[in-house]
């Protein structure tokens, strides 16, 4: 995946994170926040964005599993 595509995916996941926070959905984004990287920091390395995506998506999946959110097919 190209760096530009990773940044776009990072942005989409960050928007979902913000949505959850604004709705008061209980999720711990501490590991992601500790990275200190946002999708707007395009100067950061491709690997840093990959790590942010991995951690953020893991936390969002944990949130879905914890709240028994159905996966639509």
PDB file of N, CA and C in Angstrom:
ATOM      1  N   UNK A   1       0.844  -1.164   0.000  1.00  0.00           N
ATOM      2  CA  UNK A   1       0.000   0.000   0.000  1.00  0.00           C
ATOM      3  C   UNK A   1       0.896   1.237   0.000  1.00  0.00           C
ATOM      4  N   UNK A   2       0.522   2.230  -0.754  1.00  0.00           N
ATOM      5  CA  UNK A   2       1.299   3.464  -0.819  1.00  0.00           C
ATOM      6  C   UNK A   2       1.085   4.291   0.449  1.00  0.00           C
ATOM      7  N   UNK A   3       2.057   5.136   0.742  1.00  0.00           N
ATOM      8  CA  UNK A   3       1.973   5.968   1.945  1.00  0.00           C
ATOM      9  C   UNK A   3       0.718   6.840   1.914  1.00  0.00           C
ATOM     10  N   UNK A   4       0.388   7.392   0.766  1.00  0.00           N
ATOM     11  CA  UNK A   4      -0.797   8.238   0.641  1.00  0.00           C
ATOM     12  C   UNK A   4      -2.068   7.469   0.997  1.00  0.00           C
ATOM     13  N   UNK A   5      -2.138   6.205   0.588  1.00  0.00           N
ATOM     14  CA  UNK A   5      -3.290   5.368   0.904  1.00  0.00           C
ATOM     15  C   UNK A   5      -3.343   5.052   2.394  1.00  0.00           C
ATOM     16  N   UNK A   6      -2.193   4.811   2.997  1.00  0.00           N
ATOM     17  CA  UNK A   6      -2.138   4.559   4.439  1.00  0.00           C
ATOM     18  C   UNK A   6      -2.614   5.775   5.228  1.00  0.00           C
ATOM     19  N   UNK A   7      -2.200   6.941   4.799  1.00  0.00           N
ATOM     20  CA  UNK A   7      -2.617   8.167   5.485  1.00  0.00           C
ATOM     21  C   UNK A   7      -4.131   8.342   5.369  1.00  0.00           C
ATOM     22  N   UNK A   8      -4.676   8.022   4.204  1.00  0.00           N
ATOM     23  CA  UNK A   8      -6.129   8.122   4.024  1.00  0.00           C
ATOM     24  C   UNK A   8      -6.854   7.151   4.956  1.00  0.00           C
ATOM     25  N   UNK A   9      -6.370   5.915   5.048  1.00  0.00           N
ATOM     26  CA  UNK A   9      -6.969   4.929   5.951  1.00  0.00           C
ATOM     27  C   UNK A   9      -6.834   5.384   7.402  1.00  0.00           C
ATOM     28  N   UNK A  10      -5.681   5.924   7.750  1.00  0.00           N
ATOM     29  CA  UNK A  10      -5.452   6.445   9.097  1.00  0.00           C
ATOM     30  C   UNK A  10      -6.477   7.538   9.407  1.00  0.00           C
ATOM     31  N   UNK A  11      -6.727   8.410   8.450  1.00  0.00           N
ATOM     32  CA  UNK A  11      -7.705   9.488   8.638  1.00  0.00           C
ATOM     33  C   UNK A  11      -9.108   8.930   8.875  1.00  0.00           C
ATOM     34  N   UNK A  12      -9.503   7.936   8.103  1.00  0.00           N
ATOM     35  CA  UNK A  12     -10.836   7.347   8.269  1.00  0.00           C
ATOM     36  C   UNK A  12     -10.985   6.702   9.645  1.00  0.00           C
ATOM     37  N   UNK A  13      -9.972   5.976  10.079  1.00  0.00           N
ATOM     38  CA  UNK A  13     -10.028   5.344  11.403  1.00  0.00           C
ATOM     39  C   UNK A  13     -10.026   6.387  12.519  1.00  0.00           C
ATOM     40  N   UNK A  14      -9.270   7.469  12.331  1.00  0.00           N
ATOM     41  CA  UNK A  14      -9.245   8.544  13.333  1.00  0.00           C
ATOM     42  C   UNK A  14     -10.605   9.219  13.436  1.00  0.00           C
ATOM     43  N   UNK A  15     -11.306   9.331  12.316  1.00  0.00           N
ATOM     44  CA  UNK A  15     -12.652   9.906  12.341  1.00  0.00           C
ATOM     45  C   UNK A  15     -13.611   9.001  13.098  1.00  0.00           C
ATOM     46  N   UNK A  16     -13.472   7.695  12.916  1.00  0.00           N
ATOM     47  CA  UNK A  16     -14.297   6.742  13.653  1.00  0.00           C
ATOM     48  C   UNK A  16     -13.985   6.813  15.147  1.00  0.00           C
ATOM     49  N   UNK A  17     -12.719   6.966  15.489  1.00  0.00           N
ATOM     50  CA  UNK A  17     -12.307   7.140  16.890  1.00  0.00           C
ATOM     51  C   UNK A  17     -12.977   8.376  17.483  1.00  0.00           C
ATOM     52  N   UNK A  18     -12.921   9.472  16.765  1.00  0.00           N
ATOM     53  CA  UNK A  18     -13.532  10.713  17.246  1.00  0.00           C
ATOM     54  C   UNK A  18     -15.043  10.548  17.412  1.00  0.00           C
ATOM     55  N   UNK A  19     -15.686   9.855  16.489  1.00  0.00           N
ATOM     56  CA  UNK A  19     -17.129   9.586  16.578  1.00  0.00           C
ATOM     57  C   UNK A  19     -17.442   8.841  17.876  1.00  0.00           C
ATOM     58  N   UNK A  20     -16.660   7.813  18.162  1.00  0.00           N
ATOM     59  CA  UNK A  20     -16.875   7.023  19.390  1.00  0.00           C
ATOM     60  C   UNK A  20     -16.693   7.889  20.630  1.00  0.00           C
ATOM     61  N   UNK A  21     -15.668   8.717  20.624  1.00  0.00           N
ATOM     62  CA  UNK A  21     -15.406   9.593  21.776  1.00  0.00           C
ATOM     63  C   UNK A  21     -16.523  10.613  21.958  1.00  0.00           C
ATOM     64  N   UNK A  22     -17.008  11.182  20.874  1.00  0.00           N
ATOM     65  CA  UNK A  22     -18.079  12.180  20.964  1.00  0.00           C
ATOM     66  C   UNK A  22     -19.381  11.574  21.453  1.00  0.00           C
ATOM     67  N   UNK A  23     -19.612  10.290  21.165  1.00  0.00           N
ATOM     68  CA  UNK A  23     -20.838   9.612  21.571  1.00  0.00           C
ATOM     69  C   UNK A  23     -20.713   8.994  22.961  1.00  0.00           C
ATOM     70  N   UNK A  24     -19.544   9.132  23.572  1.00  0.00           N
ATOM     71  CA  UNK A  24     -19.343   8.582  24.908  1.00  0.00           C
ATOM     72  C   UNK A  24     -19.231   7.072  24.933  1.00  0.00           C
ATOM     73  N   UNK A  25     -18.885   6.477  23.794  1.00  0.00           N
ATOM     74  CA  UNK A  25     -18.714   5.033  23.734  1.00  0.00           C
ATOM     75  C   UNK A  25     -17.412   4.688  24.451  1.00  0.00           C
ATOM     76  N   UNK A  26     -17.507   3.758  25.378  1.00  0.00           N
ATOM     77  CA  UNK A  26     -16.372   3.419  26.235  1.00  0.00           C
ATOM     78  C   UNK A  26     -15.322   2.617  25.468  1.00  0.00           C
ATOM     79  N   UNK A  27     -14.222   3.263  25.164  1.00  0.00           N
ATOM     80  CA  UNK A  27     -13.107   2.597  24.503  1.00  0.00           C
ATOM     81  C   UNK A  27     -11.816   3.248  24.965  1.00  0.00           C
ATOM     82  N   UNK A  28     -10.807   2.437  25.141  1.00  0.00           N
ATOM     83  CA  UNK A  28      -9.518   2.930  25.614  1.00  0.00           C
ATOM     84  C   UNK A  28      -8.578   3.142  24.424  1.00  0.00           C
ATOM     85  N   UNK A  29      -8.353   4.398  24.072  1.00  0.00           N
ATOM     86  CA  UNK A  29      -7.463   4.739  22.968  1.00  0.00           C
ATOM     87  C   UNK A  29      -6.090   5.185  23.470  1.00  0.00           C
ATOM     88  N   UNK A  30      -5.722   4.751  24.660  1.00  0.00           N
ATOM     89  CA  UNK A  30      -4.466   5.175  25.276  1.00  0.00           C
ATOM     90  C   UNK A  30      -3.255   4.798  24.428  1.00  0.00           C
ATOM     91  N   UNK A  31      -3.204   3.558  23.964  1.00  0.00           N
ATOM     92  CA  UNK A  31      -2.042   3.122  23.167  1.00  0.00           C
ATOM     93  C   UNK A  31      -1.899   3.960  21.896  1.00  0.00           C
ATOM     94  N   UNK A  32      -3.019   4.249  21.252  1.00  0.00           N
ATOM     95  CA  UNK A  32      -2.965   5.076  20.037  1.00  0.00           C
ATOM     96  C   UNK A  32      -2.510   6.493  20.384  1.00  0.00           C
ATOM     97  N   UNK A  33      -3.080   7.061  21.438  1.00  0.00           N
ATOM     98  CA  UNK A  33      -2.722   8.427  21.828  1.00  0.00           C
ATOM     99  C   UNK A  33      -1.249   8.538  22.211  1.00  0.00           C
ATOM    100  N   UNK A  34      -0.700   7.492  22.811  1.00  0.00           N
ATOM    101  CA  UNK A  34       0.706   7.503  23.210  1.00  0.00           C
ATOM    102  C   UNK A  34       1.658   7.550  22.013  1.00  0.00           C
ATOM    103  N   UNK A  35       1.194   7.122  20.850  1.00  0.00           N
ATOM    104  CA  UNK A  35       2.029   7.178  19.650  1.00  0.00           C
ATOM    105  C   UNK A  35       2.353   8.619  19.261  1.00  0.00           C
ATOM    106  N   UNK A  36       1.413   9.502  19.548  1.00  0.00           N
ATOM    107  CA  UNK A  36       1.638  10.912  19.239  1.00  0.00           C
ATOM    108  C   UNK A  36       1.673  11.201  17.745  1.00  0.00           C
ATOM    109  N   UNK A  37       0.904  10.460  16.981  1.00  0.00           N
ATOM    110  CA  UNK A  37       0.855  10.674  15.537  1.00  0.00           C
ATOM    111  C   UNK A  37      -0.603  10.846  15.110  1.00  0.00           C
ATOM    112  N   UNK A  38      -0.832  11.760  14.203  1.00  0.00           N
ATOM    113  CA  UNK A  38      -2.157  11.965  13.637  1.00  0.00           C
ATOM    114  C   UNK A  38      -2.068  11.806  12.125  1.00  0.00           C
ATOM    115  N   UNK A  39      -3.199  11.603  11.468  1.00  0.00           N
ATOM    116  CA  UNK A  39      -3.181  11.465  10.015  1.00  0.00           C
ATOM    117  C   UNK A  39      -2.705  12.732   9.309  1.00  0.00           C
ATOM    118  N   UNK A  40      -2.743  13.838  10.002  1.00  0.00           N
ATOM    119  CA  UNK A  40      -2.349  15.112   9.404  1.00  0.00           C
ATOM    120  C   UNK A  40      -0.837  15.316   9.416  1.00  0.00           C
ATOM    121  N   UNK A  41      -0.132  14.453  10.072  1.00  0.00           N
ATOM    122  CA  UNK A  41       1.333  14.535  10.111  1.00  0.00           C
ATOM    123  C   UNK A  41       1.900  13.715   8.951  1.00  0.00           C
ATOM    124  N   UNK A  42       1.721  14.239   7.756  1.00  0.00           N
ATOM    125  CA  UNK A  42       2.110  13.511   6.544  1.00  0.00           C
ATOM    126  C   UNK A  42       3.619  13.338   6.426  1.00  0.00           C
ATOM    127  N   UNK A  43       4.381  14.128   7.177  1.00  0.00           N
ATOM    128  CA  UNK A  43       5.839  14.015   7.144  1.00  0.00           C
ATOM    129  C   UNK A  43       6.348  12.794   7.908  1.00  0.00           C
ATOM    130  N   UNK A  44       5.491  12.191   8.726  1.00  0.00           N
ATOM    131  CA  UNK A  44       5.894  11.004   9.488  1.00  0.00           C
ATOM    132  C   UNK A  44       6.059   9.831   8.536  1.00  0.00           C
ATOM    133  N   UNK A  45       6.807   8.837   8.947  1.00  0.00           N
ATOM    134  CA  UNK A  45       7.133   7.720   8.068  1.00  0.00           C
ATOM    135  C   UNK A  45       5.925   6.824   7.789  1.00  0.00           C
ATOM    136  N   UNK A  46       6.062   6.090   6.712  1.00  0.00           N
ATOM    137  CA  UNK A  46       5.038   5.120   6.321  1.00  0.00           C
ATOM    138  C   UNK A  46       4.857   4.086   7.431  1.00  0.00           C
ATOM    139  N   UNK A  47       5.954   3.652   8.032  1.00  0.00           N
ATOM    140  CA  UNK A  47       5.895   2.663   9.112  1.00  0.00           C
ATOM    141  C   UNK A  47       5.164   3.200  10.341  1.00  0.00           C
ATOM    142  N   UNK A  48       5.353   4.481  10.653  1.00  0.00           N
ATOM    143  CA  UNK A  48       4.653   5.075  11.801  1.00  0.00           C
ATOM    144  C   UNK A  48       3.151   5.100  11.551  1.00  0.00           C
ATOM    145  N   UNK A  49       2.748   5.416  10.333  1.00  0.00           N
ATOM    146  CA  UNK A  49       1.316   5.418   9.998  1.00  0.00           C
ATOM    147  C   UNK A  49       0.765   3.993  10.030  1.00  0.00           C
ATOM    148  N   UNK A  50       1.546   3.005   9.567  1.00  0.00           N
ATOM    149  CA  UNK A  50       1.120   1.602   9.638  1.00  0.00           C
ATOM    150  C   UNK A  50       0.893   1.183  11.083  1.00  0.00           C
ATOM    151  N   UNK A  51       1.804   1.562  11.955  1.00  0.00           N
ATOM    152  CA  UNK A  51       1.669   1.211  13.372  1.00  0.00           C
ATOM    153  C   UNK A  51       0.426   1.870  13.970  1.00  0.00           C
ATOM    154  N   UNK A  52       0.192   3.125  13.634  1.00  0.00           N
ATOM    155  CA  UNK A  52      -0.990   3.829  14.135  1.00  0.00           C
ATOM    156  C   UNK A  52      -2.265   3.152  13.650  1.00  0.00           C
ATOM    157  N   UNK A  53      -2.293   2.761  12.396  1.00  0.00           N
ATOM    158  CA  UNK A  53      -3.458   2.080  11.829  1.00  0.00           C
ATOM    159  C   UNK A  53      -3.685   0.753  12.544  1.00  0.00           C
ATOM    160  N   UNK A  54      -2.619  -0.008  12.748  1.00  0.00           N
ATOM    161  CA  UNK A  54      -2.746  -1.304  13.405  1.00  0.00           C
ATOM    162  C   UNK A  54      -3.306  -1.154  14.814  1.00  0.00           C
ATOM    163  N   UNK A  55      -2.751  -0.243  15.584  1.00  0.00           N
ATOM    164  CA  UNK A  55      -3.199  -0.058  16.970  1.00  0.00           C
ATOM    165  C   UNK A  55      -4.628   0.483  17.017  1.00  0.00           C
ATOM    166  N   UNK A  56      -4.913   1.484  16.196  1.00  0.00           N
ATOM    167  CA  UNK A  56      -6.242   2.082  16.198  1.00  0.00           C
ATOM    168  C   UNK A  56      -7.296   1.069  15.751  1.00  0.00           C
ATOM    169  N   UNK A  57      -7.018   0.310  14.716  1.00  0.00           N
ATOM    170  CA  UNK A  57      -7.991  -0.686  14.258  1.00  0.00           C
ATOM    171  C   UNK A  57      -8.166  -1.784  15.303  1.00  0.00           C
ATOM    172  N   UNK A  58      -7.097  -2.178  15.978  1.00  0.00           N
ATOM    173  CA  UNK A  58      -7.205  -3.189  17.040  1.00  0.00           C
ATOM    174  C   UNK A  58      -8.107  -2.697  18.167  1.00  0.00           C
ATOM    175  N   UNK A  59      -7.944  -1.445  18.542  1.00  0.00           N
ATOM    176  CA  UNK A  59      -8.761  -0.887  19.620  1.00  0.00           C
ATOM    177  C   UNK A  59     -10.222  -0.774  19.199  1.00  0.00           C
ATOM    178  N   UNK A  60     -10.470  -0.435  17.951  1.00  0.00           N
ATOM    179  CA  UNK A  60     -11.849  -0.331  17.470  1.00  0.00           C
ATOM    180  C   UNK A  60     -12.502  -1.706  17.365  1.00  0.00           C
ATOM    181  N   UNK A  61     -11.752  -2.718  16.961  1.00  0.00           N
ATOM    182  CA  UNK A  61     -12.285  -4.081  16.904  1.00  0.00           C
ATOM    183  C   UNK A  61     -12.587  -4.574  18.319  1.00  0.00           C
ATOM    184  N   UNK A  62     -11.712  -4.274  19.258  1.00  0.00           N
ATOM    185  CA  UNK A  62     -11.962  -4.656  20.658  1.00  0.00           C
ATOM    186  C   UNK A  62     -13.232  -4.000  21.172  1.00  0.00           C
ATOM    187  N   UNK A  63     -13.426  -2.753  20.803  1.00  0.00           N
ATOM    188  CA  UNK A  63     -14.642  -2.035  21.198  1.00  0.00           C
ATOM    189  C   UNK A  63     -15.869  -2.734  20.640  1.00  0.00           C
ATOM    190  N   UNK A  64     -15.828  -3.103  19.369  1.00  0.00           N
ATOM    191  CA  UNK A  64     -16.958  -3.776  18.740  1.00  0.00           C
ATOM    192  C   UNK A  64     -17.228  -5.122  19.408  1.00  0.00           C
ATOM    193  N   UNK A  65     -16.168  -5.872  19.703  1.00  0.00           N
ATOM    194  CA  UNK A  65     -16.339  -7.181  20.341  1.00  0.00           C
ATOM    195  C   UNK A  65     -16.886  -7.034  21.761  1.00  0.00           C
ATOM    196  N   UNK A  66     -16.380  -6.043  22.486  1.00  0.00           N
ATOM    197  CA  UNK A  66     -16.805  -5.831  23.873  1.00  0.00           C
ATOM    198  C   UNK A  66     -18.281  -5.452  23.947  1.00  0.00           C
ATOM    199  N   UNK A  67     -18.740  -4.698  22.969  1.00  0.00           N
ATOM    200  CA  UNK A  67     -20.143  -4.240  22.966  1.00  0.00           C
ATOM    201  C   UNK A  67     -21.055  -5.115  22.125  1.00  0.00           C
ATOM    202  N   UNK A  68     -20.522  -6.258  21.690  1.00  0.00           N
ATOM    203  CA  UNK A  68     -21.306  -7.201  20.878  1.00  0.00           C
ATOM    204  C   UNK A  68     -21.950  -6.534  19.675  1.00  0.00           C
ATOM    205  N   UNK A  69     -21.214  -5.656  19.029  1.00  0.00           N
ATOM    206  CA  UNK A  69     -21.727  -5.004  17.836  1.00  0.00           C
ATOM    207  C   UNK A  69     -21.730  -6.013  16.693  1.00  0.00           C
ATOM    208  N   UNK A  70     -22.856  -6.142  16.010  1.00  0.00           N
ATOM    209  CA  UNK A  70     -22.928  -7.133  14.933  1.00  0.00           C
ATOM    210  C   UNK A  70     -22.106  -6.693  13.728  1.00  0.00           C
ATOM    211  N   UNK A  71     -21.494  -7.667  13.089  1.00  0.00           N
ATOM    212  CA  UNK A  71     -20.773  -7.416  11.853  1.00  0.00           C
ATOM    213  C   UNK A  71     -21.741  -7.673  10.715  1.00  0.00           C
ATOM    214  N   UNK A  72     -21.989  -6.673   9.905  1.00  0.00           N
ATOM    215  CA  UNK A  72     -22.922  -6.812   8.783  1.00  0.00           C
ATOM    216  C   UNK A  72     -22.213  -7.429   7.610  1.00  0.00           C
ATOM    217  N   UNK A  73     -22.896  -8.305   6.943  1.00  0.00           N
ATOM    218  CA  UNK A  73     -22.332  -8.956   5.747  1.00  0.00           C
ATOM    219  C   UNK A  73     -23.158  -8.647   4.549  1.00  0.00           C
TER     220      UNK A  73
END
